[in-house]
Amino acid sequence: MALRGLAAFAFVLAALLDFRDTIHLLVWFFSIYVFFDGAYALTVAAGHSPGSTLNRIAIAFKGVIGILAGIVAISLFLQGGSMTTILLTVFVWVALAGVIEGVWVFKMVKNKELLLIVGSGAYLALAVALQFMFAVAPSEGTAVYNWIIIGFSAAFGLGMLIMSWLLRRAMMA
């Protein structure tokens, strides 16, 4: 999780340095990330690690949707798909993967109140970003999309680092 948070911050930095190419950076960062994350999840699900069958199915599902989301994002981008469709692909993956990981982390962490605050904040950020994107962005141009992407990525990175820290504390306790 901490690596995901750091990768999100690396994307934010790259997007701020090359603001006009934020969408291109998003598609490539996202696709590379979900391919590796999906392959890792499928490897874990297929391995002999202890855990319930339901956990392994959830991990495999997360792996499959990650790889599919990466393929869809690259395909849409290369075929000239709209920014809204590409961003919706990213946000759907974030929501589905977030639910799966959130349930797992929730089962592992003892301080559930703090975890609920972090998780609720992440989903609130997603909801606000989607509402803002569909309400304002089509009439304001691509700069609005770029700021939404950068802001959400920074929030996602921070959320991943906090959840990683909470999980580490729970495992050490």
C-alpha atoms as a PDB file:
ATOM      1  CA  MET A   1       0.000   0.000   0.000  1.00  0.00           C
ATOM      2  CA  ALA A   2       2.793   2.396   0.802  1.00  0.00           C
ATOM      3  CA  LEU A   3       4.296   1.842  -2.654  1.00  0.00           C
ATOM      4  CA  ARG A   4       0.925   2.706  -4.200  1.00  0.00           C
ATOM      5  CA  GLY A   5       0.831   5.903  -2.204  1.00  0.00           C
ATOM      6  CA  LEU A   6       4.344   6.814  -3.318  1.00  0.00           C
ATOM      7  CA  ALA A   7       3.497   5.966  -6.950  1.00  0.00           C
ATOM      8  CA  ALA A   8       0.454   8.260  -6.739  1.00  0.00           C
ATOM      9  CA  PHE A   9       2.643  11.083  -5.453  1.00  0.00           C
ATOM     10  CA  ALA A  10       5.173  10.417  -8.255  1.00  0.00           C
ATOM     11  CA  PHE A  11       2.316  10.773 -10.749  1.00  0.00           C
ATOM     12  CA  VAL A  12       1.177  14.026  -9.102  1.00  0.00           C
ATOM     13  CA  LEU A  13       4.693  15.432  -9.365  1.00  0.00           C
ATOM     14  CA  ALA A  14       5.042  14.358 -13.019  1.00  0.00           C
ATOM     15  CA  ALA A  15       1.609  15.829 -13.840  1.00  0.00           C
ATOM     16  CA  LEU A  16       2.462  19.141 -12.203  1.00  0.00           C
ATOM     17  CA  LEU A  17       5.758  19.289 -14.107  1.00  0.00           C
ATOM     18  CA  ASP A  18       4.027  18.579 -17.439  1.00  0.00           C
ATOM     19  CA  PHE A  19       0.494  19.877 -16.811  1.00  0.00           C
ATOM     20  CA  ARG A  20      -0.656  19.777 -20.454  1.00  0.00           C
ATOM     21  CA  ASP A  21       0.074  16.046 -20.688  1.00  0.00           C
ATOM     22  CA  THR A  22      -1.724  15.018 -17.488  1.00  0.00           C
ATOM     23  CA  ILE A  23      -4.193  12.753 -19.333  1.00  0.00           C
ATOM     24  CA  HIS A  24      -1.382  11.007 -21.251  1.00  0.00           C
ATOM     25  CA  LEU A  25       0.556  10.530 -18.019  1.00  0.00           C
ATOM     26  CA  LEU A  26      -2.561   9.250 -16.251  1.00  0.00           C
ATOM     27  CA  VAL A  27      -3.293   6.643 -18.892  1.00  0.00           C
ATOM     28  CA  TRP A  28       0.266   5.298 -18.900  1.00  0.00           C
ATOM     29  CA  PHE A  29       0.873   5.500 -15.120  1.00  0.00           C
ATOM     30  CA  PHE A  30      -2.535   3.950 -14.443  1.00  0.00           C
ATOM     31  CA  SER A  31      -2.208   1.188 -17.036  1.00  0.00           C
ATOM     32  CA  ILE A  32       1.295   0.170 -15.985  1.00  0.00           C
ATOM     33  CA  TYR A  33       0.257   0.225 -12.335  1.00  0.00           C
ATOM     34  CA  VAL A  34      -2.922  -1.859 -12.768  1.00  0.00           C
ATOM     35  CA  PHE A  35      -1.140  -4.420 -14.956  1.00  0.00           C
ATOM     36  CA  PHE A  36       1.477  -5.021 -12.254  1.00  0.00           C
ATOM     37  CA  ASP A  37      -1.079  -4.809  -9.435  1.00  0.00           C
ATOM     38  CA  GLY A  38      -3.426  -7.179 -11.276  1.00  0.00           C
ATOM     39  CA  ALA A  39      -0.668  -9.677 -12.047  1.00  0.00           C
ATOM     40  CA  TYR A  40       0.478  -9.567  -8.420  1.00  0.00           C
ATOM     41  CA  ALA A  41      -3.094 -10.091  -7.176  1.00  0.00           C
ATOM     42  CA  LEU A  42      -3.580 -13.079  -9.490  1.00  0.00           C
ATOM     43  CA  THR A  43      -0.253 -14.548  -8.337  1.00  0.00           C
ATOM     44  CA  VAL A  44      -1.295 -14.172  -4.691  1.00  0.00           C
ATOM     45  CA  ALA A  45      -4.741 -15.669  -5.382  1.00  0.00           C
ATOM     46  CA  ALA A  46      -3.214 -18.647  -7.216  1.00  0.00           C
ATOM     47  CA  GLY A  47      -0.531 -19.213  -4.565  1.00  0.00           C
ATOM     48  CA  HIS A  48      -0.696 -21.380  -1.513  1.00  0.00           C
ATOM     49  CA  SER A  49      -1.073 -18.590   0.999  1.00  0.00           C
ATOM     50  CA  PRO A  50      -3.380 -19.190   3.923  1.00  0.00           C
ATOM     51  CA  GLY A  51      -6.780 -17.586   3.706  1.00  0.00           C
ATOM     52  CA  SER A  52     -10.373 -18.324   2.980  1.00  0.00           C
ATOM     53  CA  THR A  53     -11.626 -19.189  -0.479  1.00  0.00           C
ATOM     54  CA  LEU A  54     -13.679 -15.986  -0.434  1.00  0.00           C
ATOM     55  CA  ASN A  55     -10.526 -13.909   0.155  1.00  0.00           C
ATOM     56  CA  ARG A  56      -8.749 -15.620  -2.732  1.00  0.00           C
ATOM     57  CA  ILE A  57     -11.724 -15.054  -5.044  1.00  0.00           C
ATOM     58  CA  ALA A  58     -11.836 -11.376  -4.065  1.00  0.00           C
ATOM     59  CA  ILE A  59      -8.099 -11.015  -4.718  1.00  0.00           C
ATOM     60  CA  ALA A  60      -8.437 -12.766  -8.095  1.00  0.00           C
ATOM     61  CA  PHE A  61     -11.398 -10.512  -8.995  1.00  0.00           C
ATOM     62  CA  LYS A  62      -9.321  -7.452  -8.115  1.00  0.00           C
ATOM     63  CA  GLY A  63      -6.515  -8.756 -10.343  1.00  0.00           C
ATOM     64  CA  VAL A  64      -8.808  -9.378 -13.301  1.00  0.00           C
ATOM     65  CA  ILE A  65     -10.557  -5.998 -13.068  1.00  0.00           C
ATOM     66  CA  GLY A  66      -7.173  -4.289 -12.782  1.00  0.00           C
ATOM     67  CA  ILE A  67      -5.788  -5.868 -15.921  1.00  0.00           C
ATOM     68  CA  LEU A  68      -9.052  -5.236 -17.799  1.00  0.00           C
ATOM     69  CA  ALA A  69      -9.141  -1.602 -16.673  1.00  0.00           C
ATOM     70  CA  GLY A  70      -5.592  -1.105 -17.955  1.00  0.00           C
ATOM     71  CA  ILE A  71      -6.459  -2.642 -21.322  1.00  0.00           C
ATOM     72  CA  VAL A  72      -9.631  -0.536 -21.598  1.00  0.00           C
ATOM     73  CA  ALA A  73      -7.815   2.691 -20.662  1.00  0.00           C
ATOM     74  CA  ILE A  74      -5.046   2.147 -23.221  1.00  0.00           C
ATOM     75  CA  SER A  75      -7.543   1.084 -25.910  1.00  0.00           C
ATOM     76  CA  LEU A  76      -9.737   4.130 -25.315  1.00  0.00           C
ATOM     77  CA  PHE A  77      -6.705   6.417 -25.314  1.00  0.00           C
ATOM     78  CA  LEU A  78      -5.206   5.007 -28.525  1.00  0.00           C
ATOM     79  CA  GLN A  79      -8.599   5.118 -30.280  1.00  0.00           C
ATOM     80  CA  GLY A  80      -9.154   8.744 -29.284  1.00  0.00           C
ATOM     81  CA  GLY A  81     -11.749   8.060 -26.597  1.00  0.00           C
ATOM     82  CA  SER A  82     -13.140  10.969 -24.619  1.00  0.00           C
ATOM     83  CA  MET A  83     -11.486  12.093 -21.404  1.00  0.00           C
ATOM     84  CA  THR A  84     -14.736  11.463 -19.551  1.00  0.00           C
ATOM     85  CA  THR A  85     -14.781   7.802 -20.615  1.00  0.00           C
ATOM     86  CA  ILE A  86     -11.108   7.276 -19.763  1.00  0.00           C
ATOM     87  CA  LEU A  87     -11.525   8.944 -16.364  1.00  0.00           C
ATOM     88  CA  LEU A  88     -14.673   6.940 -15.661  1.00  0.00           C
ATOM     89  CA  THR A  89     -12.685   3.745 -16.333  1.00  0.00           C
ATOM     90  CA  VAL A  90     -10.074   4.853 -13.801  1.00  0.00           C
ATOM     91  CA  PHE A  91     -12.666   5.876 -11.205  1.00  0.00           C
ATOM     92  CA  VAL A  92     -14.632   2.611 -11.569  1.00  0.00           C
ATOM     93  CA  TRP A  93     -11.440   0.619 -10.988  1.00  0.00           C
ATOM     94  CA  VAL A  94     -10.555   2.791  -7.975  1.00  0.00           C
ATOM     95  CA  ALA A  95     -14.025   2.243  -6.493  1.00  0.00           C
ATOM     96  CA  LEU A  96     -14.087  -1.545  -7.019  1.00  0.00           C
ATOM     97  CA  ALA A  97     -10.498  -2.110  -5.900  1.00  0.00           C
ATOM     98  CA  GLY A  98     -11.046   0.240  -2.962  1.00  0.00           C
ATOM     99  CA  VAL A  99     -14.039  -1.731  -1.715  1.00  0.00           C
ATOM    100  CA  ILE A 100     -12.136  -5.026  -1.912  1.00  0.00           C
ATOM    101  CA  GLU A 101      -9.047  -3.625  -0.187  1.00  0.00           C
ATOM    102  CA  GLY A 102     -11.098  -1.630   2.298  1.00  0.00           C
ATOM    103  CA  VAL A 103     -12.917  -4.751   3.492  1.00  0.00           C
ATOM    104  CA  TRP A 104      -9.592  -6.590   3.897  1.00  0.00           C
ATOM    105  CA  VAL A 105      -7.952  -3.720   5.799  1.00  0.00           C
ATOM    106  CA  PHE A 106     -11.095  -3.280   7.933  1.00  0.00           C
ATOM    107  CA  LYS A 107     -10.816  -6.923   9.007  1.00  0.00           C
ATOM    108  CA  MET A 108      -7.133  -6.462   9.926  1.00  0.00           C
ATOM    109  CA  VAL A 109      -7.150  -3.125  11.807  1.00  0.00           C
ATOM    110  CA  LYS A 110      -8.290  -2.763  15.408  1.00  0.00           C
ATOM    111  CA  ASN A 111      -8.877   1.022  15.347  1.00  0.00           C
ATOM    112  CA  LYS A 112     -11.850   0.812  13.001  1.00  0.00           C
ATOM    113  CA  GLU A 113     -13.023   4.375  13.690  1.00  0.00           C
ATOM    114  CA  LEU A 114      -9.878   5.960  12.225  1.00  0.00           C
ATOM    115  CA  LEU A 115      -9.979   3.561   9.295  1.00  0.00           C
ATOM    116  CA  LEU A 116     -13.608   4.473   8.595  1.00  0.00           C
ATOM    117  CA  ILE A 117     -12.698   8.161   8.627  1.00  0.00           C
ATOM    118  CA  VAL A 118      -9.869   7.621   6.112  1.00  0.00           C
ATOM    119  CA  GLY A 119     -11.993   5.371   3.895  1.00  0.00           C
ATOM    120  CA  SER A 120     -15.002   7.672   4.006  1.00  0.00           C
ATOM    121  CA  GLY A 121     -12.787  10.618   3.117  1.00  0.00           C
ATOM    122  CA  ALA A 122     -11.422   8.768   0.089  1.00  0.00           C
ATOM    123  CA  TYR A 123     -14.881   7.885  -1.195  1.00  0.00           C
ATOM    124  CA  LEU A 124     -16.150  11.391  -0.518  1.00  0.00           C
ATOM    125  CA  ALA A 125     -13.249  12.716  -2.613  1.00  0.00           C
ATOM    126  CA  LEU A 126     -14.215  10.297  -5.397  1.00  0.00           C
ATOM    127  CA  ALA A 127     -17.866  11.371  -5.289  1.00  0.00           C
ATOM    128  CA  VAL A 128     -17.026  15.076  -5.314  1.00  0.00           C
ATOM    129  CA  ALA A 129     -14.531  14.605  -8.157  1.00  0.00           C
ATOM    130  CA  LEU A 130     -17.090  12.738 -10.264  1.00  0.00           C
ATOM    131  CA  GLN A 131     -19.826  15.311  -9.613  1.00  0.00           C
ATOM    132  CA  PHE A 132     -17.473  18.176 -10.386  1.00  0.00           C
ATOM    133  CA  MET A 133     -16.200  16.455 -13.510  1.00  0.00           C
ATOM    134  CA  PHE A 134     -19.651  15.871 -14.976  1.00  0.00           C
ATOM    135  CA  ALA A 135     -21.081  19.234 -13.910  1.00  0.00           C
ATOM    136  CA  VAL A 136     -18.277  21.664 -14.717  1.00  0.00           C
ATOM    137  CA  ALA A 137     -15.546  20.073 -16.786  1.00  0.00           C
ATOM    138  CA  PRO A 138     -17.255  19.743 -20.196  1.00  0.00           C
ATOM    139  CA  SER A 139     -17.775  23.502 -20.398  1.00  0.00           C
ATOM    140  CA  GLU A 140     -14.457  24.552 -18.844  1.00  0.00           C
ATOM    141  CA  GLY A 141     -11.932  22.592 -20.889  1.00  0.00           C
ATOM    142  CA  THR A 142      -9.188  20.137 -20.116  1.00  0.00           C
ATOM    143  CA  ALA A 143      -7.487  22.107 -17.336  1.00  0.00           C
ATOM    144  CA  VAL A 144     -10.373  21.224 -15.000  1.00  0.00           C
ATOM    145  CA  TYR A 145      -9.872  17.521 -15.738  1.00  0.00           C
ATOM    146  CA  ASN A 146      -6.166  17.870 -15.006  1.00  0.00           C
ATOM    147  CA  TRP A 147      -6.759  19.500 -11.612  1.00  0.00           C
ATOM    148  CA  ILE A 148      -9.371  16.872 -10.697  1.00  0.00           C
ATOM    149  CA  ILE A 149      -6.954  14.077 -11.615  1.00  0.00           C
ATOM    150  CA  ILE A 150      -4.044  15.655  -9.748  1.00  0.00           C
ATOM    151  CA  GLY A 151      -6.164  16.384  -6.661  1.00  0.00           C
ATOM    152  CA  PHE A 152      -7.690  12.925  -6.546  1.00  0.00           C
ATOM    153  CA  SER A 153      -4.283  11.289  -7.062  1.00  0.00           C
ATOM    154  CA  ALA A 154      -2.821  13.263  -4.169  1.00  0.00           C
ATOM    155  CA  ALA A 155      -5.781  12.272  -1.940  1.00  0.00           C
ATOM    156  CA  PHE A 156      -5.436   8.635  -3.038  1.00  0.00           C
ATOM    157  CA  GLY A 157      -1.695   8.664  -2.302  1.00  0.00           C
ATOM    158  CA  LEU A 158      -2.259  10.116   1.150  1.00  0.00           C
ATOM    159  CA  GLY A 159      -5.025   7.579   1.855  1.00  0.00           C
ATOM    160  CA  MET A 160      -2.775   4.684   0.814  1.00  0.00           C
ATOM    161  CA  LEU A 161       0.058   5.899   3.042  1.00  0.00           C
ATOM    162  CA  ILE A 162      -2.287   6.299   6.030  1.00  0.00           C
ATOM    163  CA  MET A 163      -3.882   2.869   5.500  1.00  0.00           C
ATOM    164  CA  SER A 164      -0.416   1.332   5.133  1.00  0.00           C
ATOM    165  CA  TRP A 165       0.647   2.926   8.407  1.00  0.00           C
ATOM    166  CA  LEU A 166      -2.538   1.719  10.175  1.00  0.00           C
ATOM    167  CA  LEU A 167      -2.088  -1.791   8.830  1.00  0.00           C
ATOM    168  CA  ARG A 168       1.571  -1.868   9.883  1.00  0.00           C
ATOM    169  CA  ARG A 169       0.619  -0.734  13.402  1.00  0.00           C
ATOM    170  CA  ALA A 170      -2.107  -3.390  13.578  1.00  0.00           C
ATOM    171  CA  MET A 171       0.263  -6.163  12.513  1.00  0.00           C
ATOM    172  CA  MET A 172       2.917  -5.082  15.029  1.00  0.00           C
ATOM    173  CA  ALA A 173       0.423  -4.977  17.909  1.00  0.00           C
END
